[in-house]
Amino acid sequence: MTGSANAGPAQWLLAEGVTDGNYTARQRTVLGRGGIIELSNESGSIWVGGTSRSVIKGSVSF
């Protein structure tokens, strides 16, 4: 679950008046490997928080 993938829709939902910007997003909970993040609106800025777990490690060279 990525915060950046949820921050954009959060801005849209806030602009459309669907939410005040404070909510919880869940993903893949049926499979038991889901993620949960909290999104909050602080003076028009969306903040994303939650716990994380690394499932792959690597490096990239340019």
N, C-alpha and C. Protein backbone atom coordinates (compact mmCIF):
# COMPACT_ATOMS: atom_id res chain seq x y z
N MET A 1 0.86 -1.16 0.00
CA MET A 1 0.00 0.00 0.00
C MET A 1 0.90 1.22 0.00
N THR A 2 0.63 2.13 -0.88
CA THR A 2 1.48 3.32 -0.97
C THR A 2 0.71 4.57 -0.57
N GLY A 3 1.38 5.39 0.21
CA GLY A 3 0.78 6.65 0.61
C GLY A 3 0.61 7.59 -0.55
N SER A 4 1.59 7.60 -1.47
CA SER A 4 1.51 8.52 -2.59
C SER A 4 0.33 8.19 -3.50
N ALA A 5 -0.02 6.92 -3.59
CA ALA A 5 -1.17 6.53 -4.41
C ALA A 5 -2.49 6.93 -3.75
N ASN A 6 -2.48 7.19 -2.47
CA ASN A 6 -3.69 7.59 -1.77
C ASN A 6 -3.78 9.10 -1.54
N ALA A 7 -2.66 9.79 -1.58
CA ALA A 7 -2.66 11.23 -1.33
C ALA A 7 -3.38 12.01 -2.44
N GLY A 8 -3.19 11.60 -3.70
CA GLY A 8 -3.86 12.26 -4.82
C GLY A 8 -5.37 12.17 -4.74
N PRO A 9 -5.90 10.94 -4.60
CA PRO A 9 -7.36 10.83 -4.45
C PRO A 9 -7.88 11.57 -3.21
N ALA A 10 -7.08 11.63 -2.16
CA ALA A 10 -7.50 12.36 -0.96
C ALA A 10 -7.69 13.84 -1.27
N GLN A 11 -6.79 14.41 -2.07
CA GLN A 11 -6.93 15.82 -2.47
C GLN A 11 -8.21 16.02 -3.27
N TRP A 12 -8.49 15.09 -4.18
CA TRP A 12 -9.70 15.18 -5.00
C TRP A 12 -10.95 15.06 -4.14
N LEU A 13 -10.98 14.07 -3.24
CA LEU A 13 -12.14 13.89 -2.35
C LEU A 13 -12.37 15.13 -1.49
N LEU A 14 -11.29 15.75 -1.04
CA LEU A 14 -11.39 16.97 -0.24
C LEU A 14 -11.96 18.11 -1.08
N ALA A 15 -11.45 18.28 -2.30
CA ALA A 15 -11.91 19.36 -3.19
C ALA A 15 -13.39 19.20 -3.56
N GLU A 16 -13.84 17.95 -3.71
CA GLU A 16 -15.23 17.67 -4.08
C GLU A 16 -16.18 17.70 -2.88
N GLY A 17 -15.64 17.85 -1.68
CA GLY A 17 -16.47 17.89 -0.49
C GLY A 17 -16.94 16.52 -0.02
N VAL A 18 -16.33 15.45 -0.55
CA VAL A 18 -16.71 14.09 -0.16
C VAL A 18 -16.20 13.77 1.25
N THR A 19 -15.06 14.35 1.61
CA THR A 19 -14.46 14.13 2.92
C THR A 19 -13.87 15.43 3.43
N ASP A 20 -13.62 15.48 4.72
CA ASP A 20 -12.92 16.64 5.28
C ASP A 20 -11.41 16.42 5.22
N GLY A 21 -10.99 15.29 4.64
CA GLY A 21 -9.57 14.98 4.50
C GLY A 21 -9.04 14.07 5.58
N ASN A 22 -9.86 13.70 6.54
CA ASN A 22 -9.42 12.82 7.63
C ASN A 22 -10.16 11.49 7.51
N TYR A 23 -9.43 10.45 7.12
CA TYR A 23 -10.05 9.13 7.01
C TYR A 23 -8.98 8.05 6.99
N THR A 24 -9.44 6.81 7.06
CA THR A 24 -8.58 5.64 7.02
C THR A 24 -8.78 4.92 5.69
N ALA A 25 -7.68 4.52 5.06
CA ALA A 25 -7.75 3.75 3.82
C ALA A 25 -7.21 2.35 4.09
N ARG A 26 -7.91 1.35 3.56
CA ARG A 26 -7.51 -0.05 3.71
C ARG A 26 -7.39 -0.68 2.33
N GLN A 27 -6.48 -1.66 2.23
CA GLN A 27 -6.27 -2.33 0.96
C GLN A 27 -5.91 -3.79 1.20
N ARG A 28 -6.44 -4.69 0.38
CA ARG A 28 -6.13 -6.11 0.38
C ARG A 28 -6.37 -6.80 1.72
N THR A 29 -7.35 -6.37 2.46
CA THR A 29 -7.61 -6.97 3.77
C THR A 29 -8.16 -8.38 3.67
N VAL A 30 -8.83 -8.73 2.58
CA VAL A 30 -9.40 -10.07 2.42
C VAL A 30 -8.29 -11.13 2.36
N LEU A 31 -7.17 -10.80 1.76
CA LEU A 31 -6.07 -11.74 1.62
C LEU A 31 -5.21 -11.84 2.89
N GLY A 32 -5.48 -11.01 3.87
CA GLY A 32 -4.69 -11.03 5.09
C GLY A 32 -3.33 -10.38 4.98
N ARG A 33 -3.08 -9.69 3.87
CA ARG A 33 -1.79 -9.01 3.69
C ARG A 33 -2.00 -7.53 3.45
N GLY A 34 -3.09 -7.04 3.92
CA GLY A 34 -3.47 -5.67 3.60
C GLY A 34 -2.70 -4.62 4.37
N GLY A 35 -2.92 -3.41 3.96
CA GLY A 35 -2.33 -2.26 4.62
C GLY A 35 -3.42 -1.30 5.07
N ILE A 36 -3.09 -0.55 6.08
CA ILE A 36 -4.00 0.47 6.60
C ILE A 36 -3.19 1.74 6.77
N ILE A 37 -3.69 2.84 6.22
CA ILE A 37 -3.04 4.13 6.43
C ILE A 37 -4.07 5.15 6.87
N GLU A 38 -3.60 6.15 7.57
CA GLU A 38 -4.43 7.26 8.03
C GLU A 38 -4.09 8.48 7.19
N LEU A 39 -5.11 9.14 6.67
CA LEU A 39 -4.91 10.37 5.93
C LEU A 39 -5.53 11.51 6.72
N SER A 40 -4.82 12.62 6.81
CA SER A 40 -5.36 13.76 7.56
C SER A 40 -5.12 15.05 6.80
N ASN A 41 -6.02 15.99 7.00
CA ASN A 41 -5.96 17.29 6.36
C ASN A 41 -5.49 18.30 7.41
N GLU A 42 -4.35 18.89 7.15
CA GLU A 42 -3.82 19.91 8.04
C GLU A 42 -3.63 21.19 7.24
N SER A 43 -4.56 22.10 7.39
CA SER A 43 -4.53 23.40 6.70
C SER A 43 -4.44 23.24 5.18
N GLY A 44 -5.18 22.27 4.63
CA GLY A 44 -5.20 22.07 3.20
C GLY A 44 -4.12 21.15 2.66
N SER A 45 -3.21 20.70 3.52
CA SER A 45 -2.17 19.74 3.11
C SER A 45 -2.57 18.36 3.59
N ILE A 46 -2.48 17.38 2.71
CA ILE A 46 -2.80 16.00 3.07
C ILE A 46 -1.55 15.33 3.62
N TRP A 47 -1.68 14.73 4.80
CA TRP A 47 -0.60 13.98 5.43
C TRP A 47 -1.01 12.52 5.48
N VAL A 48 -0.05 11.66 5.19
CA VAL A 48 -0.29 10.22 5.18
C VAL A 48 0.59 9.59 6.25
N GLY A 49 -0.01 8.70 7.06
CA GLY A 49 0.75 8.03 8.10
C GLY A 49 0.29 6.61 8.29
N GLY A 50 1.11 5.84 8.97
CA GLY A 50 0.79 4.45 9.26
C GLY A 50 2.07 3.68 9.52
N THR A 51 1.95 2.41 9.75
CA THR A 51 3.13 1.58 9.95
C THR A 51 3.59 1.00 8.63
N SER A 52 4.83 0.57 8.59
CA SER A 52 5.34 0.00 7.35
C SER A 52 6.12 -1.29 7.63
N ARG A 53 6.23 -2.08 6.59
CA ARG A 53 7.01 -3.32 6.67
C ARG A 53 7.69 -3.50 5.33
N SER A 54 8.99 -3.66 5.34
CA SER A 54 9.74 -3.88 4.10
C SER A 54 9.56 -5.33 3.66
N VAL A 55 9.23 -5.51 2.40
CA VAL A 55 9.05 -6.86 1.86
C VAL A 55 10.08 -7.16 0.77
N ILE A 56 10.84 -6.16 0.36
CA ILE A 56 11.89 -6.36 -0.63
C ILE A 56 12.95 -5.29 -0.40
N LYS A 57 14.16 -5.64 -0.64
CA LYS A 57 15.27 -4.71 -0.45
C LYS A 57 16.18 -4.76 -1.67
N GLY A 58 16.69 -3.63 -2.09
CA GLY A 58 17.54 -3.60 -3.26
C GLY A 58 18.15 -2.23 -3.45
N SER A 59 18.81 -2.05 -4.56
CA SER A 59 19.40 -0.75 -4.88
C SER A 59 19.31 -0.52 -6.38
N VAL A 60 19.42 0.73 -6.76
CA VAL A 60 19.36 1.13 -8.16
C VAL A 60 20.54 2.06 -8.42
N SER A 61 21.22 1.84 -9.50
CA SER A 61 22.32 2.72 -9.89
C SER A 61 22.00 3.35 -11.24
N PHE A 62 22.30 4.63 -11.36
CA PHE A 62 22.08 5.34 -12.61
C PHE A 62 23.40 5.73 -13.22
